[in-house]
Amino acid sequence: MPYKKKQLPKYCRHKSSGRAFVRIGGKMYYLGKYGSEASRREYDRIIGEFIANGRSRYLPANHYEKPTSKYIVQRKKSVYEGSS
């Protein structure tokens, strides 16, 4: 069932992690730290795609690319180096 014309998915807070998310078609899209300017911009971008896609419950499959193994290694490395 499609969303009503005036109904938009809400900007929400994930209580345990403190991250912002929006749920579209049962899928949660994490946006960043709740209340941050970056998370609000990401919310606006995703909602823009949602509206451009005809308010379909599903965003295009290529909405997010899967992270590469190089990115994951760099991310873990930066986390471990930052905690020293």
C-alpha atoms as a PDB file:
ATOM      1  CA  MET A   1       0.000   0.000   0.000  1.00  0.00           C
ATOM      2  CA  PRO A   2       1.559   3.349  -0.983  1.00  0.00           C
ATOM      3  CA  TYR A   3       2.021   6.220   1.433  1.00  0.00           C
ATOM      4  CA  LYS A   4      -0.650   8.903   1.515  1.00  0.00           C
ATOM      5  CA  LYS A   5       0.171  12.104  -0.370  1.00  0.00           C
ATOM      6  CA  LYS A   6       0.959  14.180   2.727  1.00  0.00           C
ATOM      7  CA  GLN A   7       2.475  11.385   4.793  1.00  0.00           C
ATOM      8  CA  LEU A   8       6.279  11.216   4.973  1.00  0.00           C
ATOM      9  CA  PRO A   9       8.432   8.747   6.905  1.00  0.00           C
ATOM     10  CA  LYS A  10       9.536  10.288  10.194  1.00  0.00           C
ATOM     11  CA  TYR A  11      13.023  11.271  11.344  1.00  0.00           C
ATOM     12  CA  CYS A  12      13.553   8.957  14.334  1.00  0.00           C
ATOM     13  CA  ARG A  13      16.105   8.259  17.057  1.00  0.00           C
ATOM     14  CA  HIS A  14      17.499   4.789  17.719  1.00  0.00           C
ATOM     15  CA  LYS A  15      17.521   4.779  21.529  1.00  0.00           C
ATOM     16  CA  SER A  16      20.363   2.357  22.195  1.00  0.00           C
ATOM     17  CA  SER A  17      22.826   3.775  19.653  1.00  0.00           C
ATOM     18  CA  GLY A  18      21.744   7.428  19.579  1.00  0.00           C
ATOM     19  CA  ARG A  19      21.703   7.407  15.779  1.00  0.00           C
ATOM     20  CA  ALA A  20      19.013   8.912  13.592  1.00  0.00           C
ATOM     21  CA  PHE A  21      17.137   6.708  11.136  1.00  0.00           C
ATOM     22  CA  VAL A  22      14.199   6.713   8.784  1.00  0.00           C
ATOM     23  CA  ARG A  23      12.163   3.591   8.055  1.00  0.00           C
ATOM     24  CA  ILE A  24      10.905   3.139   4.495  1.00  0.00           C
ATOM     25  CA  GLY A  25       9.179  -0.064   3.469  1.00  0.00           C
ATOM     26  CA  GLY A  26      10.274  -1.793   6.661  1.00  0.00           C
ATOM     27  CA  LYS A  27      13.963  -1.054   6.025  1.00  0.00           C
ATOM     28  CA  MET A  28      15.873   1.241   8.375  1.00  0.00           C
ATOM     29  CA  TYR A  29      18.210   3.776   6.795  1.00  0.00           C
ATOM     30  CA  TYR A  30      20.704   5.098   9.341  1.00  0.00           C
ATOM     31  CA  LEU A  31      21.508   8.778   8.921  1.00  0.00           C
ATOM     32  CA  GLY A  32      24.225   9.569  11.474  1.00  0.00           C
ATOM     33  CA  LYS A  33      24.190  11.069  14.964  1.00  0.00           C
ATOM     34  CA  TYR A  34      20.651  12.076  15.968  1.00  0.00           C
ATOM     35  CA  GLY A  35      20.048  15.807  15.752  1.00  0.00           C
ATOM     36  CA  SER A  36      23.212  16.573  13.767  1.00  0.00           C
ATOM     37  CA  GLU A  37      23.182  18.756  10.681  1.00  0.00           C
ATOM     38  CA  ALA A  38      24.642  15.877   8.629  1.00  0.00           C
ATOM     39  CA  SER A  39      21.842  13.487   9.650  1.00  0.00           C
ATOM     40  CA  ARG A  40      19.204  16.084   8.740  1.00  0.00           C
ATOM     41  CA  ARG A  41      20.797  16.553   5.291  1.00  0.00           C
ATOM     42  CA  GLU A  42      20.880  12.781   4.771  1.00  0.00           C
ATOM     43  CA  TYR A  43      17.219  12.558   5.821  1.00  0.00           C
ATOM     44  CA  ASP A  44      16.320  15.285   3.317  1.00  0.00           C
ATOM     45  CA  ARG A  45      18.258  13.460   0.590  1.00  0.00           C
ATOM     46  CA  ILE A  46      16.568  10.118   1.264  1.00  0.00           C
ATOM     47  CA  ILE A  47      13.112  11.714   1.469  1.00  0.00           C
ATOM     48  CA  GLY A  48      13.857  13.490  -1.826  1.00  0.00           C
ATOM     49  CA  GLU A  49      14.617  10.123  -3.441  1.00  0.00           C
ATOM     50  CA  PHE A  50      11.488   8.671  -1.844  1.00  0.00           C
ATOM     51  CA  ILE A  51       9.296  11.415  -3.357  1.00  0.00           C
ATOM     52  CA  ALA A  52      11.073  11.254  -6.733  1.00  0.00           C
ATOM     53  CA  ASN A  53      10.457   7.500  -6.770  1.00  0.00           C
ATOM     54  CA  GLY A  54       6.687   8.084  -6.612  1.00  0.00           C
ATOM     55  CA  ARG A  55       6.448   7.610  -2.845  1.00  0.00           C
ATOM     56  CA  SER A  56       7.109   3.931  -3.315  1.00  0.00           C
ATOM     57  CA  ARG A  57       7.835   1.961  -0.160  1.00  0.00           C
ATOM     58  CA  TYR A  58      11.088   0.779  -1.728  1.00  0.00           C
ATOM     59  CA  LEU A  59      14.046   2.881  -2.750  1.00  0.00           C
ATOM     60  CA  PRO A  60      16.080   1.709  -5.760  1.00  0.00           C
ATOM     61  CA  ALA A  61      18.268  -1.329  -5.061  1.00  0.00           C
ATOM     62  CA  ASN A  62      21.440   0.639  -5.732  1.00  0.00           C
ATOM     63  CA  HIS A  63      20.567   3.232  -3.066  1.00  0.00           C
ATOM     64  CA  TYR A  64      23.606   2.316  -0.983  1.00  0.00           C
ATOM     65  CA  GLU A  65      26.677   0.565  -2.230  1.00  0.00           C
ATOM     66  CA  LYS A  66      28.121  -2.172  -0.069  1.00  0.00           C
ATOM     67  CA  PRO A  67      31.349  -1.163   1.665  1.00  0.00           C
ATOM     68  CA  THR A  68      34.533  -2.576   0.149  1.00  0.00           C
ATOM     69  CA  SER A  69      36.912  -4.684   2.211  1.00  0.00           C
ATOM     70  CA  LYS A  70      39.524  -1.908   1.868  1.00  0.00           C
ATOM     71  CA  TYR A  71      37.095   0.569   3.462  1.00  0.00           C
ATOM     72  CA  ILE A  72      36.296  -1.836   6.311  1.00  0.00           C
ATOM     73  CA  VAL A  73      40.002  -2.410   7.069  1.00  0.00           C
ATOM     74  CA  GLN A  74      40.711   1.339   7.022  1.00  0.00           C
ATOM     75  CA  ARG A  75      37.723   2.020   9.276  1.00  0.00           C
ATOM     76  CA  LYS A  76      38.747  -0.616  11.836  1.00  0.00           C
ATOM     77  CA  LYS A  77      42.324   0.625  11.741  1.00  0.00           C
ATOM     78  CA  SER A  78      41.227   4.200  12.458  1.00  0.00           C
ATOM     79  CA  VAL A  79      39.015   3.044  15.339  1.00  0.00           C
ATOM     80  CA  TYR A  80      41.837   1.059  16.970  1.00  0.00           C
ATOM     81  CA  GLU A  81      44.381   3.845  16.479  1.00  0.00           C
ATOM     82  CA  GLY A  82      41.964   6.395  17.935  1.00  0.00           C
ATOM     83  CA  SER A  83      41.372   4.396  21.120  1.00  0.00           C
ATOM     84  CA  SER A  84      45.066   4.284  22.141  1.00  0.00           C
END
